[in-house]
N, C-alpha and C. Protein backbone atom coordinates (compact mmCIF):
# COMPACT_ATOMS: atom_id res chain seq x y z
N MET A 1 10.87 -10.02 -4.47
CA MET A 1 10.03 -10.54 -3.26
C MET A 1 9.68 -12.13 -3.62
N ASN A 2 9.74 -12.58 -2.60
CA ASN A 2 9.55 -14.13 -2.74
C ASN A 2 8.00 -14.25 -3.04
N PRO A 3 7.61 -15.32 -3.62
CA PRO A 3 6.26 -15.51 -4.00
C PRO A 3 5.20 -15.63 -2.71
N LYS A 4 5.71 -16.25 -1.53
CA LYS A 4 4.93 -16.11 -0.19
C LYS A 4 4.53 -14.78 0.27
N ASN A 5 5.61 -13.99 0.13
CA ASN A 5 5.30 -12.62 0.57
C ASN A 5 4.54 -11.80 -0.24
N ARG A 6 4.53 -12.13 -1.48
CA ARG A 6 3.94 -11.39 -2.48
C ARG A 6 2.44 -11.76 -2.37
N ALA A 7 2.24 -13.19 -2.16
CA ALA A 7 0.93 -13.46 -1.98
C ALA A 7 0.06 -13.12 -0.60
N GLU A 8 0.99 -12.98 0.42
CA GLU A 8 0.53 -12.29 1.48
C GLU A 8 0.15 -10.89 1.46
N ARG A 9 0.90 -10.20 0.61
CA ARG A 9 0.64 -8.75 0.31
C ARG A 9 -0.73 -8.64 -0.55
N VAL A 10 -1.00 -9.64 -1.33
CA VAL A 10 -2.15 -9.40 -2.33
C VAL A 10 -3.30 -9.67 -1.19
N VAL A 11 -3.28 -10.73 -0.33
CA VAL A 11 -4.53 -11.00 0.38
C VAL A 11 -4.45 -9.87 1.45
N ALA A 12 -3.45 -9.07 1.84
CA ALA A 12 -3.52 -8.06 2.86
C ALA A 12 -4.21 -6.83 2.25
N MET A 13 -3.90 -6.65 0.78
CA MET A 13 -4.43 -5.59 0.17
C MET A 13 -5.89 -5.75 -0.15
N ASP A 14 -6.25 -6.85 -0.44
CA ASP A 14 -7.79 -7.08 -0.61
C ASP A 14 -8.64 -7.02 0.78
N ALA A 15 -8.01 -7.34 1.78
CA ALA A 15 -8.66 -7.35 2.98
C ALA A 15 -8.75 -5.82 3.41
N ILE A 16 -7.74 -4.99 3.12
CA ILE A 16 -8.04 -3.52 3.28
C ILE A 16 -8.90 -2.81 2.61
N ALA A 17 -9.05 -3.35 1.25
CA ALA A 17 -10.02 -2.85 0.40
C ALA A 17 -11.43 -3.25 0.79
N ASN A 18 -11.62 -4.46 1.05
CA ASN A 18 -12.90 -5.07 1.79
C ASN A 18 -13.46 -4.20 2.77
N GLU A 19 -12.22 -3.82 3.69
CA GLU A 19 -12.81 -3.25 5.05
C GLU A 19 -13.08 -1.96 4.88
N ALA A 20 -12.45 -1.30 3.82
CA ALA A 20 -12.92 0.06 3.58
C ALA A 20 -14.12 0.24 2.99
N GLU A 21 -14.46 -0.70 2.15
CA GLU A 21 -15.64 -0.80 1.29
C GLU A 21 -17.01 -0.82 2.50
N ASN A 22 -16.69 -1.78 3.60
CA ASN A 22 -17.49 -1.96 4.67
C ASN A 22 -17.57 -0.69 5.48
N LEU A 23 -16.67 -0.17 5.54
CA LEU A 23 -16.63 1.39 6.45
C LEU A 23 -17.67 2.13 5.43
N ALA A 24 -17.31 2.25 4.13
CA ALA A 24 -18.25 3.28 3.27
C ALA A 24 -19.80 2.70 3.24
N LYS A 25 -19.92 1.65 3.42
CA LYS A 25 -21.25 0.90 3.39
C LYS A 25 -22.20 1.54 4.74
N SER A 26 -21.29 1.35 5.67
CA SER A 26 -21.80 1.59 6.86
C SER A 26 -22.08 3.05 7.44
N GLY A 27 -21.47 3.98 6.45
CA GLY A 27 -21.88 5.43 6.50
C GLY A 27 -20.59 6.05 7.18
N ALA A 28 -19.57 5.63 7.25
CA ALA A 28 -18.34 6.20 7.60
C ALA A 28 -17.95 7.51 7.08
N ASP A 29 -17.22 8.55 7.54
CA ASP A 29 -16.87 9.44 7.03
C ASP A 29 -15.86 9.33 6.01
N PRO A 30 -15.83 9.80 4.79
CA PRO A 30 -14.77 9.50 3.70
C PRO A 30 -13.39 9.80 4.26
N LEU A 31 -13.22 10.85 5.00
CA LEU A 31 -11.59 11.06 5.65
C LEU A 31 -11.17 9.85 6.52
N ASP A 32 -12.20 9.47 7.41
CA ASP A 32 -11.99 8.05 8.24
C ASP A 32 -11.70 6.96 7.37
N ILE A 33 -12.26 6.79 6.26
CA ILE A 33 -12.03 5.54 5.33
C ILE A 33 -10.64 5.62 4.81
N GLN A 34 -10.40 7.00 4.24
CA GLN A 34 -9.07 7.21 3.67
C GLN A 34 -8.04 7.23 4.65
N THR A 35 -8.12 7.61 6.03
CA THR A 35 -7.00 7.53 6.91
C THR A 35 -6.98 5.96 7.32
N PHE A 36 -7.87 5.34 7.26
CA PHE A 36 -7.75 3.91 7.77
C PHE A 36 -6.94 3.10 6.48
N ALA A 37 -7.36 3.48 5.09
CA ALA A 37 -6.59 2.70 4.09
C ALA A 37 -5.22 3.16 4.01
N ILE A 38 -4.83 4.51 4.20
CA ILE A 38 -3.45 4.99 4.15
C ILE A 38 -2.59 4.25 5.37
N GLY A 39 -3.25 4.33 6.57
CA GLY A 39 -2.62 3.60 7.64
C GLY A 39 -2.34 2.17 7.51
N ALA A 40 -3.36 1.66 7.07
CA ALA A 40 -3.18 0.02 6.78
C ALA A 40 -2.28 -0.12 5.70
N LYS A 41 -2.15 0.63 4.70
CA LYS A 41 -1.13 0.31 3.74
C LYS A 41 0.22 0.60 4.08
N LYS A 42 0.54 1.47 4.89
CA LYS A 42 1.60 1.73 5.65
C LYS A 42 2.34 0.65 6.44
N GLU A 43 1.34 0.38 7.13
CA GLU A 43 1.83 -0.79 8.24
C GLU A 43 1.98 -2.21 7.32
N LEU A 44 1.23 -2.27 6.33
CA LEU A 44 1.60 -3.44 5.44
C LEU A 44 3.10 -3.48 4.76
N ALA A 45 3.33 -2.07 4.37
CA ALA A 45 4.66 -1.95 3.77
C ALA A 45 5.57 -2.38 5.04
N ASN A 46 5.23 -1.71 6.18
CA ASN A 46 6.41 -2.07 7.15
C ASN A 46 6.55 -3.71 7.69
N GLN A 47 5.47 -4.20 7.45
CA GLN A 47 5.39 -5.72 7.73
C GLN A 47 5.99 -6.66 6.81
N ARG A 48 5.68 -6.21 5.55
CA ARG A 48 5.86 -7.06 4.23
C ARG A 48 6.54 -6.03 3.16
N PRO A 49 7.80 -5.43 3.35
CA PRO A 49 8.31 -4.48 2.62
C PRO A 49 8.92 -5.25 1.06
N ASP A 50 8.55 -4.44 0.15
CA ASP A 50 8.68 -4.92 -1.46
C ASP A 50 10.28 -4.13 -1.69
N TYR A 51 11.26 -4.64 -1.63
CA TYR A 51 12.69 -4.02 -1.65
C TYR A 51 12.71 -3.81 -3.16
N GLN A 52 12.35 -4.56 -4.04
CA GLN A 52 12.61 -4.23 -5.39
C GLN A 52 11.55 -3.04 -6.01
N ASN A 53 10.53 -2.91 -5.52
CA ASN A 53 9.70 -1.91 -5.74
C ASN A 53 10.36 -0.55 -5.07
N TYR A 54 10.82 -0.58 -3.76
CA TYR A 54 11.53 0.47 -3.59
C TYR A 54 12.85 0.92 -4.20
N PHE A 55 13.43 -0.04 -4.42
CA PHE A 55 14.78 0.09 -5.47
C PHE A 55 14.46 0.82 -6.98
N ASP A 56 13.23 0.29 -7.35
CA ASP A 56 12.85 0.81 -9.04
C ASP A 56 12.31 2.25 -8.68
N ALA A 57 11.84 2.52 -7.50
CA ALA A 57 11.12 4.04 -7.30
C ALA A 57 12.44 5.04 -7.00
N ALA A 58 13.44 4.43 -6.20
CA ALA A 58 14.67 5.49 -5.99
C ALA A 58 15.23 5.49 -7.29
N VAL A 59 15.39 4.57 -8.14
CA VAL A 59 16.21 4.79 -9.56
C VAL A 59 15.41 5.98 -10.34
N ALA A 60 14.16 5.47 -10.25
CA ALA A 60 13.30 6.56 -11.03
C ALA A 60 13.50 8.03 -10.51
N ALA A 61 13.27 8.20 -9.27
CA ALA A 61 13.51 9.49 -8.73
C ALA A 61 14.91 10.02 -8.98
N LYS A 62 15.97 9.26 -8.98
CA LYS A 62 17.29 9.68 -9.26
C LYS A 62 17.31 10.17 -10.75
N LYS A 63 16.80 9.31 -11.57
CA LYS A 63 16.77 9.77 -13.11
C LYS A 63 15.89 11.27 -13.51
N ALA A 64 14.79 11.24 -12.65
CA ALA A 64 14.06 12.57 -12.87
C ALA A 64 14.88 13.57 -12.30
N LYS A 65 15.35 13.63 -11.27
CA LYS A 65 16.45 14.63 -10.50
C LYS A 65 17.38 15.08 -11.51
N ASN A 66 17.98 14.01 -12.12
CA ASN A 66 19.25 14.51 -12.92
C ASN A 66 18.97 14.90 -14.34
N LYS A 67 17.45 14.74 -14.72
CA LYS A 67 17.03 15.12 -15.98
C LYS A 67 17.23 16.59 -16.30
N ASP A 68 17.00 17.23 -15.12
CA ASP A 68 16.82 18.84 -15.27
C ASP A 68 18.28 19.41 -15.48
């Protein structure tokens, strides 16, 4: 992943965390906060995919599957 995309992902993750904290402080339901955070992270993954991370996860899954 190029440095610009990585920096944008870091900023976006911080924004998601801050918004989740604001929701919690305002008394939002924990399930709503969790739903927001999961949805926001999925959207971020769609907009700024980290292909190296996906590749590493696929390799690890394949190794775990073949271990048995």
